[in-house]
């Protein structure tokens, strides 16, 4: 399959045909003024159709964008967002888990500790990074860097992009669940500002291991969920074909989660997703990080930690209703007087 076809997702079929026609005309007729006059309305139409599609994505389509093979990953954003970066390795217990990228970064003269999940671009890199599925030593590696940041008063920035923690036998034997739990505990009380950003797919506890902070941000076409749509469909319906239904019911998009109050900000993406214009996406992400770090720096540390605690205590709100008979008393009866005695 040609590269240009692979770049388009299934719901982008109208864009694929438009692009084919534009490319054919550009290749056969050169760059004459007459050609440019013909191509201009076609390119305008392409931009219009693309905007209409991306303004009306459903949950499953959004998940497909979040998983797009060309979508920028943590190592891409290191060069797109930071002025300089010095990588730090290892957990000093078992090995260096390459699914976690960590190190000291500089943003407009401000030093930060960056910790991000990296899925890998090609087959070789995916093998080395385990496609972003973190082992326990990866979470221990992340925690070491967080404690280092706390020691030197550096804010922590995390990039979340994983299908979930690795559930293999070796990972379980080395205590992946405990590693995630320890990160949740330590991040909840780490005495330095923390900004967490979902840049792609935020899956299950694997995402939560880097997801406790003072500000939780999501890129517009990223997803954040307790389980993947495929896993949810397999459990509830025993049918992976129900993944679109599952994606809708999971309410995993940035719009859903912002509405629930589970995230603090949605970072806009270029039309067509971050992979269409990584440079612009890097500038938008950089601006969002700096803005939130500036806001957090103005908050006294004790109040910052109290606010972080309250933020997560508010999660999981629900509504209770009175029984129906209390709402609609039977005909001929009166509601009991609240002031009456027994």
C-alpha atoms as a PDB file:
ATOM      1  CA  UNK A   1       0.000   0.000   0.000  1.00  0.00           C
ATOM      2  CA  UNK A   2       1.432   3.431  -0.929  1.00  0.00           C
ATOM      3  CA  UNK A   3       2.651   5.615   1.933  1.00  0.00           C
ATOM      4  CA  UNK A   4       0.084   8.337   1.215  1.00  0.00           C
ATOM      5  CA  UNK A   5      -2.737   5.788   1.609  1.00  0.00           C
ATOM      6  CA  UNK A   6      -1.360   4.493   4.882  1.00  0.00           C
ATOM      7  CA  UNK A   7      -1.234   8.049   6.202  1.00  0.00           C
ATOM      8  CA  UNK A   8      -5.012   8.365   5.868  1.00  0.00           C
ATOM      9  CA  UNK A   9      -7.294   6.701   8.381  1.00  0.00           C
ATOM     10  CA  UNK A  10     -10.431   4.808   7.241  1.00  0.00           C
ATOM     11  CA  UNK A  11     -12.790   7.709   7.976  1.00  0.00           C
ATOM     12  CA  UNK A  12     -10.608  10.012   5.856  1.00  0.00           C
ATOM     13  CA  UNK A  13     -11.590   8.377   2.546  1.00  0.00           C
ATOM     14  CA  UNK A  14     -12.816  11.693   1.053  1.00  0.00           C
ATOM     15  CA  UNK A  15      -9.423  13.233   1.811  1.00  0.00           C
ATOM     16  CA  UNK A  16      -7.556  10.342   0.201  1.00  0.00           C
ATOM     17  CA  UNK A  17      -9.327  10.862  -3.132  1.00  0.00           C
ATOM     18  CA  UNK A  18      -8.831  14.634  -3.046  1.00  0.00           C
ATOM     19  CA  UNK A  19      -5.148  14.239  -2.279  1.00  0.00           C
ATOM     20  CA  UNK A  20      -4.733  11.745  -5.121  1.00  0.00           C
ATOM     21  CA  UNK A  21      -6.235  14.215  -7.608  1.00  0.00           C
ATOM     22  CA  UNK A  22      -4.122  17.102  -6.317  1.00  0.00           C
ATOM     23  CA  UNK A  23      -0.928  15.025  -6.479  1.00  0.00           C
ATOM     24  CA  UNK A  24      -1.707  13.802 -10.005  1.00  0.00           C
ATOM     25  CA  UNK A  25      -2.291  17.321 -11.299  1.00  0.00           C
ATOM     26  CA  UNK A  26       0.839  18.627  -9.579  1.00  0.00           C
ATOM     27  CA  UNK A  27       2.980  15.838 -11.044  1.00  0.00           C
ATOM     28  CA  UNK A  28       1.768  16.090 -14.629  1.00  0.00           C
ATOM     29  CA  UNK A  29       1.453  19.812 -15.218  1.00  0.00           C
ATOM     30  CA  UNK A  30       4.392  21.399 -13.439  1.00  0.00           C
ATOM     31  CA  UNK A  31       4.054  24.640 -11.464  1.00  0.00           C
ATOM     32  CA  UNK A  32       2.515  26.949 -14.080  1.00  0.00           C
ATOM     33  CA  UNK A  33       0.284  29.842 -12.952  1.00  0.00           C
ATOM     34  CA  UNK A  34      -2.653  28.192 -14.735  1.00  0.00           C
ATOM     35  CA  UNK A  35      -2.140  25.016 -12.726  1.00  0.00           C
ATOM     36  CA  UNK A  36      -1.885  26.900  -9.459  1.00  0.00           C
ATOM     37  CA  UNK A  37      -5.184  28.605 -10.233  1.00  0.00           C
ATOM     38  CA  UNK A  38      -6.799  25.198 -10.716  1.00  0.00           C
ATOM     39  CA  UNK A  39      -5.199  23.656  -7.630  1.00  0.00           C
ATOM     40  CA  UNK A  40      -6.044  26.481  -5.241  1.00  0.00           C
ATOM     41  CA  UNK A  41      -9.786  25.693  -4.935  1.00  0.00           C
ATOM     42  CA  UNK A  42      -8.992  21.976  -4.657  1.00  0.00           C
ATOM     43  CA  UNK A  43      -6.604  22.616  -1.770  1.00  0.00           C
ATOM     44  CA  UNK A  44      -9.177  24.879  -0.151  1.00  0.00           C
ATOM     45  CA  UNK A  45     -11.730  22.092  -0.504  1.00  0.00           C
ATOM     46  CA  UNK A  46      -9.282  19.611   1.060  1.00  0.00           C
ATOM     47  CA  UNK A  47      -8.787  21.900   4.065  1.00  0.00           C
ATOM     48  CA  UNK A  48     -12.546  22.422   4.436  1.00  0.00           C
ATOM     49  CA  UNK A  49     -13.374  18.700   4.273  1.00  0.00           C
ATOM     50  CA  UNK A  50     -10.569  17.889   6.714  1.00  0.00           C
ATOM     51  CA  UNK A  51     -11.839  20.485   9.196  1.00  0.00           C
ATOM     52  CA  UNK A  52     -15.410  19.191   8.930  1.00  0.00           C
ATOM     53  CA  UNK A  53     -14.278  15.603   9.533  1.00  0.00           C
ATOM     54  CA  UNK A  54     -12.111  16.456  12.540  1.00  0.00           C
ATOM     55  CA  UNK A  55     -14.704  18.699  14.139  1.00  0.00           C
ATOM     56  CA  UNK A  56     -17.112  15.743  14.247  1.00  0.00           C
ATOM     57  CA  UNK A  57     -15.008  12.719  15.201  1.00  0.00           C
ATOM     58  CA  UNK A  58     -16.663  10.033  17.299  1.00  0.00           C
ATOM     59  CA  UNK A  59     -14.857   8.259  20.139  1.00  0.00           C
ATOM     60  CA  UNK A  60     -13.498   5.369  18.061  1.00  0.00           C
ATOM     61  CA  UNK A  61     -12.251   7.710  15.339  1.00  0.00           C
ATOM     62  CA  UNK A  62     -10.515   9.794  17.994  1.00  0.00           C
ATOM     63  CA  UNK A  63      -8.825   6.642  19.300  1.00  0.00           C
ATOM     64  CA  UNK A  64      -7.588   5.913  15.770  1.00  0.00           C
ATOM     65  CA  UNK A  65      -6.029   9.386  15.588  1.00  0.00           C
ATOM     66  CA  UNK A  66      -4.433   8.915  19.012  1.00  0.00           C
ATOM     67  CA  UNK A  67      -2.835   5.698  17.711  1.00  0.00           C
ATOM     68  CA  UNK A  68      -1.798   7.074  14.307  1.00  0.00           C
ATOM     69  CA  UNK A  69       1.664   5.676  13.437  1.00  0.00           C
ATOM     70  CA  UNK A  70       2.901   9.133  12.472  1.00  0.00           C
ATOM     71  CA  UNK A  71       1.734  10.854  15.661  1.00  0.00           C
ATOM     72  CA  UNK A  72       4.557  12.632  17.545  1.00  0.00           C
ATOM     73  CA  UNK A  73       5.854  10.688  20.552  1.00  0.00           C
ATOM     74  CA  UNK A  74       7.844  11.645  23.629  1.00  0.00           C
ATOM     75  CA  UNK A  75      11.245  11.631  21.893  1.00  0.00           C
ATOM     76  CA  UNK A  76       9.804  13.786  19.108  1.00  0.00           C
ATOM     77  CA  UNK A  77       8.559  16.337  21.618  1.00  0.00           C
ATOM     78  CA  UNK A  78      11.954  16.418  23.336  1.00  0.00           C
ATOM     79  CA  UNK A  79      13.358  18.179  20.272  1.00  0.00           C
ATOM     80  CA  UNK A  80      10.154  20.041  19.362  1.00  0.00           C
ATOM     81  CA  UNK A  81       9.436  21.494  22.809  1.00  0.00           C
ATOM     82  CA  UNK A  82      12.642  21.714  24.840  1.00  0.00           C
ATOM     83  CA  UNK A  83      15.642  23.991  24.306  1.00  0.00           C
ATOM     84  CA  UNK A  84      17.981  21.298  25.641  1.00  0.00           C
ATOM     85  CA  UNK A  85      17.642  17.862  27.223  1.00  0.00           C
ATOM     86  CA  UNK A  86      20.000  15.614  29.185  1.00  0.00           C
ATOM     87  CA  UNK A  87      18.693  12.064  29.462  1.00  0.00           C
ATOM     88  CA  UNK A  88      18.991  10.120  32.720  1.00  0.00           C
ATOM     89  CA  UNK A  89      18.832   6.335  32.748  1.00  0.00           C
ATOM     90  CA  UNK A  90      18.030   3.320  34.880  1.00  0.00           C
ATOM     91  CA  UNK A  91      16.339   2.333  38.135  1.00  0.00           C
ATOM     92  CA  UNK A  92      19.546   1.129  39.892  1.00  0.00           C
ATOM     93  CA  UNK A  93      17.843  -2.156  40.706  1.00  0.00           C
ATOM     94  CA  UNK A  94      17.259  -4.202  37.549  1.00  0.00           C
ATOM     95  CA  UNK A  95      17.734  -2.453  34.173  1.00  0.00           C
ATOM     96  CA  UNK A  96      17.046   0.637  32.088  1.00  0.00           C
ATOM     97  CA  UNK A  97      13.492   0.370  30.724  1.00  0.00           C
ATOM     98  CA  UNK A  98      13.574   2.193  27.381  1.00  0.00           C
ATOM     99  CA  UNK A  99       9.783   2.644  27.339  1.00  0.00           C
ATOM    100  CA  UNK A 100      10.420   5.477  29.817  1.00  0.00           C
ATOM    101  CA  UNK A 101      12.327   8.552  28.661  1.00  0.00           C
ATOM    102  CA  UNK A 102      13.513  10.714  31.557  1.00  0.00           C
ATOM    103  CA  UNK A 103      15.896  13.571  32.020  1.00  0.00           C
ATOM    104  CA  UNK A 104      16.557  17.243  32.655  1.00  0.00           C
ATOM    105  CA  UNK A 105      15.049  19.643  30.143  1.00  0.00           C
ATOM    106  CA  UNK A 106      15.184  23.413  29.706  1.00  0.00           C
ATOM    107  CA  UNK A 107      12.191  25.513  28.627  1.00  0.00           C
ATOM    108  CA  UNK A 108      12.786  29.240  28.138  1.00  0.00           C
ATOM    109  CA  UNK A 109      15.450  29.185  30.847  1.00  0.00           C
ATOM    110  CA  UNK A 110      13.304  27.081  33.215  1.00  0.00           C
ATOM    111  CA  UNK A 111      14.702  23.681  34.222  1.00  0.00           C
ATOM    112  CA  UNK A 112      12.231  20.806  34.505  1.00  0.00           C
ATOM    113  CA  UNK A 113      12.319  17.051  34.958  1.00  0.00           C
ATOM    114  CA  UNK A 114      10.702  15.371  31.958  1.00  0.00           C
ATOM    115  CA  UNK A 115       9.392  11.814  32.259  1.00  0.00           C
ATOM    116  CA  UNK A 116       7.527  10.310  29.322  1.00  0.00           C
ATOM    117  CA  UNK A 117       6.364   7.016  27.865  1.00  0.00           C
ATOM    118  CA  UNK A 118       7.728   6.248  24.391  1.00  0.00           C
ATOM    119  CA  UNK A 119       6.074   3.678  22.100  1.00  0.00           C
ATOM    120  CA  UNK A 120       8.673   3.488  19.343  1.00  0.00           C
ATOM    121  CA  UNK A 121       8.389   4.409  15.683  1.00  0.00           C
ATOM    122  CA  UNK A 122       9.672   1.415  13.690  1.00  0.00           C
ATOM    123  CA  UNK A 123       9.732  -2.307  14.467  1.00  0.00           C
ATOM    124  CA  UNK A 124      13.209  -2.233  15.988  1.00  0.00           C
ATOM    125  CA  UNK A 125      12.373   0.674  18.296  1.00  0.00           C
ATOM    126  CA  UNK A 126       9.027  -0.861  19.248  1.00  0.00           C
ATOM    127  CA  UNK A 127      10.903  -4.006  20.288  1.00  0.00           C
ATOM    128  CA  UNK A 128      13.308  -2.005  22.459  1.00  0.00           C
ATOM    129  CA  UNK A 129      10.540   0.081  24.057  1.00  0.00           C
ATOM    130  CA  UNK A 130       8.012  -2.765  24.298  1.00  0.00           C
ATOM    131  CA  UNK A 131       5.599  -0.505  22.341  1.00  0.00           C
ATOM    132  CA  UNK A 132       5.385   1.799  25.356  1.00  0.00           C
ATOM    133  CA  UNK A 133       4.146  -0.892  27.774  1.00  0.00           C
ATOM    134  CA  UNK A 134       6.178  -0.143  30.893  1.00  0.00           C
ATOM    135  CA  UNK A 135       7.779  -2.756  33.149  1.00  0.00           C
ATOM    136  CA  UNK A 136       8.104  -2.232  36.931  1.00  0.00           C
ATOM    137  CA  UNK A 137      11.686  -1.042  36.526  1.00  0.00           C
ATOM    138  CA  UNK A 138      10.361   1.694  34.242  1.00  0.00           C
ATOM    139  CA  UNK A 139       8.081   3.015  36.974  1.00  0.00           C
ATOM    140  CA  UNK A 140      10.934   2.782  39.497  1.00  0.00           C
ATOM    141  CA  UNK A 141      13.119   4.694  37.026  1.00  0.00           C
ATOM    142  CA  UNK A 142      10.421   7.391  36.788  1.00  0.00           C
ATOM    143  CA  UNK A 143      10.078   7.585  40.571  1.00  0.00           C
ATOM    144  CA  UNK A 144      13.826   8.019  41.038  1.00  0.00           C
ATOM    145  CA  UNK A 145      13.744  11.019  38.707  1.00  0.00           C
ATOM    146  CA  UNK A 146      10.724  12.497  40.498  1.00  0.00           C
ATOM    147  CA  UNK A 147      12.520  12.288  43.828  1.00  0.00           C
ATOM    148  CA  UNK A 148      15.581  13.891  42.259  1.00  0.00           C
ATOM    149  CA  UNK A 149      13.386  16.724  40.979  1.00  0.00           C
ATOM    150  CA  UNK A 150      11.890  17.181  44.449  1.00  0.00           C
ATOM    151  CA  UNK A 151      15.379  17.323  45.993  1.00  0.00           C
ATOM    152  CA  UNK A 152      16.478  20.149  43.688  1.00  0.00           C
ATOM    153  CA  UNK A 153      13.137  21.970  43.526  1.00  0.00           C
ATOM    154  CA  UNK A 154      12.454  21.229  39.857  1.00  0.00           C
ATOM    155  CA  UNK A 155       8.901  20.898  38.486  1.00  0.00           C
ATOM    156  CA  UNK A 156       7.981  17.541  36.930  1.00  0.00           C
ATOM    157  CA  UNK A 157       6.394  17.214  33.472  1.00  0.00           C
ATOM    158  CA  UNK A 158       5.084  13.796  32.399  1.00  0.00           C
ATOM    159  CA  UNK A 159       4.033  12.688  28.913  1.00  0.00           C
ATOM    160  CA  UNK A 160       1.512   9.828  28.946  1.00  0.00           C
ATOM    161  CA  UNK A 161       1.289   7.549  25.905  1.00  0.00           C
ATOM    162  CA  UNK A 162       0.771   3.831  26.526  1.00  0.00           C
ATOM    163  CA  UNK A 163      -1.730   1.028  25.973  1.00  0.00           C
ATOM    164  CA  UNK A 164      -1.045  -0.007  29.568  1.00  0.00           C
ATOM    165  CA  UNK A 165       1.637  -1.475  31.804  1.00  0.00           C
ATOM    166  CA  UNK A 166       3.193  -4.706  30.555  1.00  0.00           C
ATOM    167  CA  UNK A 167       1.243  -7.704  32.026  1.00  0.00           C
ATOM    168  CA  UNK A 168       3.804 -10.432  31.249  1.00  0.00           C
ATOM    169  CA  UNK A 169       5.027 -13.011  33.755  1.00  0.00           C
ATOM    170  CA  UNK A 170       8.385 -11.339  34.369  1.00  0.00           C
ATOM    171  CA  UNK A 171       6.719  -7.968  34.895  1.00  0.00           C
ATOM    172  CA  UNK A 172       4.265  -9.483  37.378  1.00  0.00           C
ATOM    173  CA  UNK A 173       7.050 -11.338  39.185  1.00  0.00           C
ATOM    174  CA  UNK A 174       8.964  -8.087  39.631  1.00  0.00           C
ATOM    175  CA  UNK A 175       5.891  -6.330  41.045  1.00  0.00           C
ATOM    176  CA  UNK A 176       4.445  -4.077  38.341  1.00  0.00           C
ATOM    177  CA  UNK A 177       1.237  -3.438  40.320  1.00  0.00           C
ATOM    178  CA  UNK A 178       3.239  -2.441  43.388  1.00  0.00           C
ATOM    179  CA  UNK A 179       5.461  -0.156  41.302  1.00  0.00           C
ATOM    180  CA  UNK A 180       2.426   1.675  39.933  1.00  0.00           C
ATOM    181  CA  UNK A 181       0.871   1.925  43.409  1.00  0.00           C
ATOM    182  CA  UNK A 182       4.085   3.384  44.819  1.00  0.00           C
ATOM    183  CA  UNK A 183       4.148   5.989  42.048  1.00  0.00           C
ATOM    184  CA  UNK A 184       0.539   6.955  42.795  1.00  0.00           C
ATOM    185  CA  UNK A 185       1.370   7.395  46.474  1.00  0.00           C
ATOM    186  CA  UNK A 186       4.605   9.293  45.952  1.00  0.00           C
ATOM    187  CA  UNK A 187       3.260  11.581  43.238  1.00  0.00           C
ATOM    188  CA  UNK A 188       0.321  12.498  45.445  1.00  0.00           C
ATOM    189  CA  UNK A 189       2.712  13.965  48.024  1.00  0.00           C
ATOM    190  CA  UNK A 190       5.760  14.971  45.973  1.00  0.00           C
ATOM    191  CA  UNK A 191       6.744  18.461  47.104  1.00  0.00           C
ATOM    192  CA  UNK A 192       7.172  20.024  43.700  1.00  0.00           C
ATOM    193  CA  UNK A 193       4.731  21.078  40.947  1.00  0.00           C
ATOM    194  CA  UNK A 194       3.626  18.293  38.570  1.00  0.00           C
ATOM    195  CA  UNK A 195       2.055  18.731  35.122  1.00  0.00           C
ATOM    196  CA  UNK A 196       0.775  15.544  33.431  1.00  0.00           C
ATOM    197  CA  UNK A 197      -0.077  15.530  29.713  1.00  0.00           C
ATOM    198  CA  UNK A 198      -1.772  12.766  27.714  1.00  0.00           C
ATOM    199  CA  UNK A 199      -0.144  13.068  24.275  1.00  0.00           C
ATOM    200  CA  UNK A 200      -1.621   9.928  22.669  1.00  0.00           C
ATOM    201  CA  UNK A 201      -3.284   6.910  24.241  1.00  0.00           C
ATOM    202  CA  UNK A 202      -3.544   6.920  28.034  1.00  0.00           C
ATOM    203  CA  UNK A 203      -4.383   3.342  28.937  1.00  0.00           C
ATOM    204  CA  UNK A 204      -5.315   1.887  32.325  1.00  0.00           C
ATOM    205  CA  UNK A 205      -2.928   1.765  35.302  1.00  0.00           C
ATOM    206  CA  UNK A 206      -0.013   2.051  32.917  1.00  0.00           C
ATOM    207  CA  UNK A 207      -1.033   5.662  32.329  1.00  0.00           C
ATOM    208  CA  UNK A 208      -1.913   6.361  35.958  1.00  0.00           C
ATOM    209  CA  UNK A 209       1.645   5.486  36.980  1.00  0.00           C
ATOM    210  CA  UNK A 210       2.631   8.889  35.538  1.00  0.00           C
ATOM    211  CA  UNK A 211      -0.751  10.559  35.914  1.00  0.00           C
ATOM    212  CA  UNK A 212      -1.034  12.112  39.383  1.00  0.00           C
ATOM    213  CA  UNK A 213      -0.344  15.829  39.277  1.00  0.00           C
ATOM    214  CA  UNK A 214      -1.486  19.365  39.965  1.00  0.00           C
ATOM    215  CA  UNK A 215      -2.598  19.845  36.349  1.00  0.00           C
ATOM    216  CA  UNK A 216      -3.834  17.082  34.033  1.00  0.00           C
ATOM    217  CA  UNK A 217      -3.834  18.084  30.352  1.00  0.00           C
ATOM    218  CA  UNK A 218      -4.812  16.232  27.174  1.00  0.00           C
ATOM    219  CA  UNK A 219      -4.134  16.880  23.527  1.00  0.00           C
ATOM    220  CA  UNK A 220      -7.443  17.290  21.714  1.00  0.00           C
ATOM    221  CA  UNK A 221      -7.295  13.985  19.823  1.00  0.00           C
ATOM    222  CA  UNK A 222      -5.770  11.914  22.610  1.00  0.00           C
ATOM    223  CA  UNK A 223      -7.664   9.360  24.727  1.00  0.00           C
ATOM    224  CA  UNK A 224      -7.580   8.431  28.407  1.00  0.00           C
ATOM    225  CA  UNK A 225      -9.387   5.365  29.705  1.00  0.00           C
ATOM    226  CA  UNK A 226      -9.435   2.582  32.270  1.00  0.00           C
ATOM    227  CA  UNK A 227      -9.215   0.002  29.483  1.00  0.00           C
ATOM    228  CA  UNK A 228      -8.837  -0.120  25.706  1.00  0.00           C
ATOM    229  CA  UNK A 229     -12.032  -0.321  23.603  1.00  0.00           C
ATOM    230  CA  UNK A 230     -10.927  -3.761  22.356  1.00  0.00           C
ATOM    231  CA  UNK A 231     -10.404  -5.045  25.899  1.00  0.00           C
ATOM    232  CA  UNK A 232     -13.712  -3.603  27.072  1.00  0.00           C
ATOM    233  CA  UNK A 233     -15.575  -5.183  24.137  1.00  0.00           C
ATOM    234  CA  UNK A 234     -13.958  -8.553  24.776  1.00  0.00           C
ATOM    235  CA  UNK A 235     -14.959  -8.503  28.454  1.00  0.00           C
ATOM    236  CA  UNK A 236     -18.499  -7.112  28.178  1.00  0.00           C
ATOM    237  CA  UNK A 237     -19.654  -8.600  24.882  1.00  0.00           C
ATOM    238  CA  UNK A 238     -16.998 -11.254  24.154  1.00  0.00           C
ATOM    239  CA  UNK A 239     -16.769  -9.609  20.757  1.00  0.00           C
ATOM    240  CA  UNK A 240     -13.912  -7.328  19.753  1.00  0.00           C
ATOM    241  CA  UNK A 241     -16.112  -6.118  16.903  1.00  0.00           C
ATOM    242  CA  UNK A 242     -18.013  -4.069  19.508  1.00  0.00           C
ATOM    243  CA  UNK A 243     -14.970  -1.848  19.999  1.00  0.00           C
ATOM    244  CA  UNK A 244     -16.704   1.223  18.531  1.00  0.00           C
ATOM    245  CA  UNK A 245     -19.601   0.818  20.948  1.00  0.00           C
ATOM    246  CA  UNK A 246     -17.144   0.301  23.796  1.00  0.00           C
ATOM    247  CA  UNK A 247     -15.198   3.439  22.856  1.00  0.00           C
ATOM    248  CA  UNK A 248     -18.395   5.490  23.002  1.00  0.00           C
ATOM    249  CA  UNK A 249     -19.458   4.045  26.357  1.00  0.00           C
ATOM    250  CA  UNK A 250     -16.015   4.507  27.914  1.00  0.00           C
ATOM    251  CA  UNK A 251     -16.238   8.299  27.383  1.00  0.00           C
ATOM    252  CA  UNK A 252     -12.511   8.429  26.722  1.00  0.00           C
ATOM    253  CA  UNK A 253     -12.131  11.600  24.648  1.00  0.00           C
ATOM    254  CA  UNK A 254     -10.676  14.875  25.897  1.00  0.00           C
ATOM    255  CA  UNK A 255     -14.083  16.549  25.519  1.00  0.00           C
ATOM    256  CA  UNK A 256     -15.768  13.911  27.686  1.00  0.00           C
ATOM    257  CA  UNK A 257     -13.122  14.016  30.394  1.00  0.00           C
ATOM    258  CA  UNK A 258     -13.046  17.807  30.493  1.00  0.00           C
ATOM    259  CA  UNK A 259     -16.803  17.772  30.929  1.00  0.00           C
ATOM    260  CA  UNK A 260     -16.491  15.362  33.849  1.00  0.00           C
ATOM    261  CA  UNK A 261     -13.859  17.565  35.491  1.00  0.00           C
ATOM    262  CA  UNK A 262     -11.244  14.792  35.318  1.00  0.00           C
ATOM    263  CA  UNK A 263      -8.766  16.904  33.347  1.00  0.00           C
ATOM    264  CA  UNK A 264      -7.935  20.589  33.590  1.00  0.00           C
ATOM    265  CA  UNK A 265      -7.243  21.618  30.008  1.00  0.00           C
ATOM    266  CA  UNK A 266      -7.525  20.439  26.418  1.00  0.00           C
ATOM    267  CA  UNK A 267      -4.573  21.476  24.249  1.00  0.00           C
ATOM    268  CA  UNK A 268      -5.681  22.174  20.654  1.00  0.00           C
ATOM    269  CA  UNK A 269      -4.094  20.253  17.790  1.00  0.00           C
ATOM    270  CA  UNK A 270      -3.547  21.240  14.162  1.00  0.00           C
ATOM    271  CA  UNK A 271      -6.454  20.279  11.910  1.00  0.00           C
ATOM    272  CA  UNK A 272      -6.006  16.619  11.026  1.00  0.00           C
ATOM    273  CA  UNK A 273      -4.114  15.823  14.225  1.00  0.00           C
ATOM    274  CA  UNK A 274      -0.641  16.437  15.622  1.00  0.00           C
ATOM    275  CA  UNK A 275       0.970  14.259  12.937  1.00  0.00           C
ATOM    276  CA  UNK A 276      -0.141  16.691  10.205  1.00  0.00           C
ATOM    277  CA  UNK A 277       2.034  19.495  11.632  1.00  0.00           C
ATOM    278  CA  UNK A 278       4.389  18.317  14.429  1.00  0.00           C
ATOM    279  CA  UNK A 279       6.185  21.668  14.502  1.00  0.00           C
ATOM    280  CA  UNK A 280       2.993  23.590  15.245  1.00  0.00           C
ATOM    281  CA  UNK A 281       1.949  20.968  17.790  1.00  0.00           C
ATOM    282  CA  UNK A 282       5.288  21.356  19.550  1.00  0.00           C
ATOM    283  CA  UNK A 283       4.737  25.108  19.876  1.00  0.00           C
ATOM    284  CA  UNK A 284       1.213  24.623  21.255  1.00  0.00           C
ATOM    285  CA  UNK A 285       2.440  22.042  23.763  1.00  0.00           C
ATOM    286  CA  UNK A 286       5.369  24.193  24.842  1.00  0.00           C
ATOM    287  CA  UNK A 287       3.083  27.179  25.449  1.00  0.00           C
ATOM    288  CA  UNK A 288       0.670  25.059  27.516  1.00  0.00           C
ATOM    289  CA  UNK A 289       3.482  23.660  29.674  1.00  0.00           C
ATOM    290  CA  UNK A 290       4.992  27.079  30.351  1.00  0.00           C
ATOM    291  CA  UNK A 291       1.606  28.618  31.139  1.00  0.00           C
ATOM    292  CA  UNK A 292       0.734  25.926  33.662  1.00  0.00           C
ATOM    293  CA  UNK A 293       4.179  25.932  35.269  1.00  0.00           C
ATOM    294  CA  UNK A 294       3.907  29.697  35.719  1.00  0.00           C
ATOM    295  CA  UNK A 295       0.511  29.299  37.382  1.00  0.00           C
ATOM    296  CA  UNK A 296       1.725  26.556  39.722  1.00  0.00           C
ATOM    297  CA  UNK A 297       4.908  28.412  40.666  1.00  0.00           C
ATOM    298  CA  UNK A 298       2.775  31.171  42.184  1.00  0.00           C
ATOM    299  CA  UNK A 299       1.046  28.765  44.614  1.00  0.00           C
ATOM    300  CA  UNK A 300       2.679  28.101  48.031  1.00  0.00           C
ATOM    301  CA  UNK A 301       3.876  24.497  48.240  1.00  0.00           C
ATOM    302  CA  UNK A 302       1.654  23.414  51.141  1.00  0.00           C
ATOM    303  CA  UNK A 303      -1.415  24.815  49.400  1.00  0.00           C
ATOM    304  CA  UNK A 304      -0.325  23.140  46.164  1.00  0.00           C
ATOM    305  CA  UNK A 305      -0.221  19.715  47.833  1.00  0.00           C
ATOM    306  CA  UNK A 306      -3.562  20.288  49.550  1.00  0.00           C
ATOM    307  CA  UNK A 307      -5.112  21.192  46.193  1.00  0.00           C
ATOM    308  CA  UNK A 308      -3.609  18.098  44.551  1.00  0.00           C
ATOM    309  CA  UNK A 309      -5.131  15.928  47.280  1.00  0.00           C
ATOM    310  CA  UNK A 310      -8.546  17.539  46.912  1.00  0.00           C
ATOM    311  CA  UNK A 311      -8.434  17.246  43.114  1.00  0.00           C
ATOM    312  CA  UNK A 312      -8.246  13.472  43.230  1.00  0.00           C
ATOM    313  CA  UNK A 313     -10.628  13.143  46.174  1.00  0.00           C
ATOM    314  CA  UNK A 314     -13.308  14.771  44.001  1.00  0.00           C
ATOM    315  CA  UNK A 315     -13.036  12.123  41.287  1.00  0.00           C
ATOM    316  CA  UNK A 316     -15.846   9.603  40.993  1.00  0.00           C
ATOM    317  CA  UNK A 317     -18.779  11.863  41.897  1.00  0.00           C
ATOM    318  CA  UNK A 318     -22.248  10.426  41.492  1.00  0.00           C
ATOM    319  CA  UNK A 319     -25.885  11.474  41.911  1.00  0.00           C
ATOM    320  CA  UNK A 320     -28.487   9.966  44.195  1.00  0.00           C
ATOM    321  CA  UNK A 321     -32.234  10.187  43.600  1.00  0.00           C
ATOM    322  CA  UNK A 322     -35.087   9.702  46.007  1.00  0.00           C
ATOM    323  CA  UNK A 323     -37.242   6.589  45.435  1.00  0.00           C
ATOM    324  CA  UNK A 324     -39.948   7.198  42.832  1.00  0.00           C
ATOM    325  CA  UNK A 325     -42.759   6.877  45.360  1.00  0.00           C
ATOM    326  CA  UNK A 326     -41.260   9.761  47.320  1.00  0.00           C
ATOM    327  CA  UNK A 327     -41.277  11.898  44.185  1.00  0.00           C
ATOM    328  CA  UNK A 328     -44.895  11.072  43.205  1.00  0.00           C
ATOM    329  CA  UNK A 329     -47.130  10.342  46.241  1.00  0.00           C
ATOM    330  CA  UNK A 330     -50.186   8.172  45.598  1.00  0.00           C
ATOM    331  CA  UNK A 331     -53.386  10.080  44.795  1.00  0.00           C
ATOM    332  CA  UNK A 332     -55.368  11.137  47.879  1.00  0.00           C
ATOM    333  CA  UNK A 333     -52.367  11.057  50.219  1.00  0.00           C
ATOM    334  CA  UNK A 334     -50.266  13.902  51.499  1.00  0.00           C
ATOM    335  CA  UNK A 335     -46.536  14.099  51.972  1.00  0.00           C
ATOM    336  CA  UNK A 336     -45.596  13.757  55.664  1.00  0.00           C
ATOM    337  CA  UNK A 337     -44.879  17.044  57.378  1.00  0.00           C
ATOM    338  CA  UNK A 338     -41.168  17.345  58.062  1.00  0.00           C
ATOM    339  CA  UNK A 339     -41.943  19.221  61.299  1.00  0.00           C
ATOM    340  CA  UNK A 340     -44.566  16.785  62.582  1.00  0.00           C
ATOM    341  CA  UNK A 341     -43.784  14.533  65.537  1.00  0.00           C
ATOM    342  CA  UNK A 342     -44.013  10.736  65.512  1.00  0.00           C
END
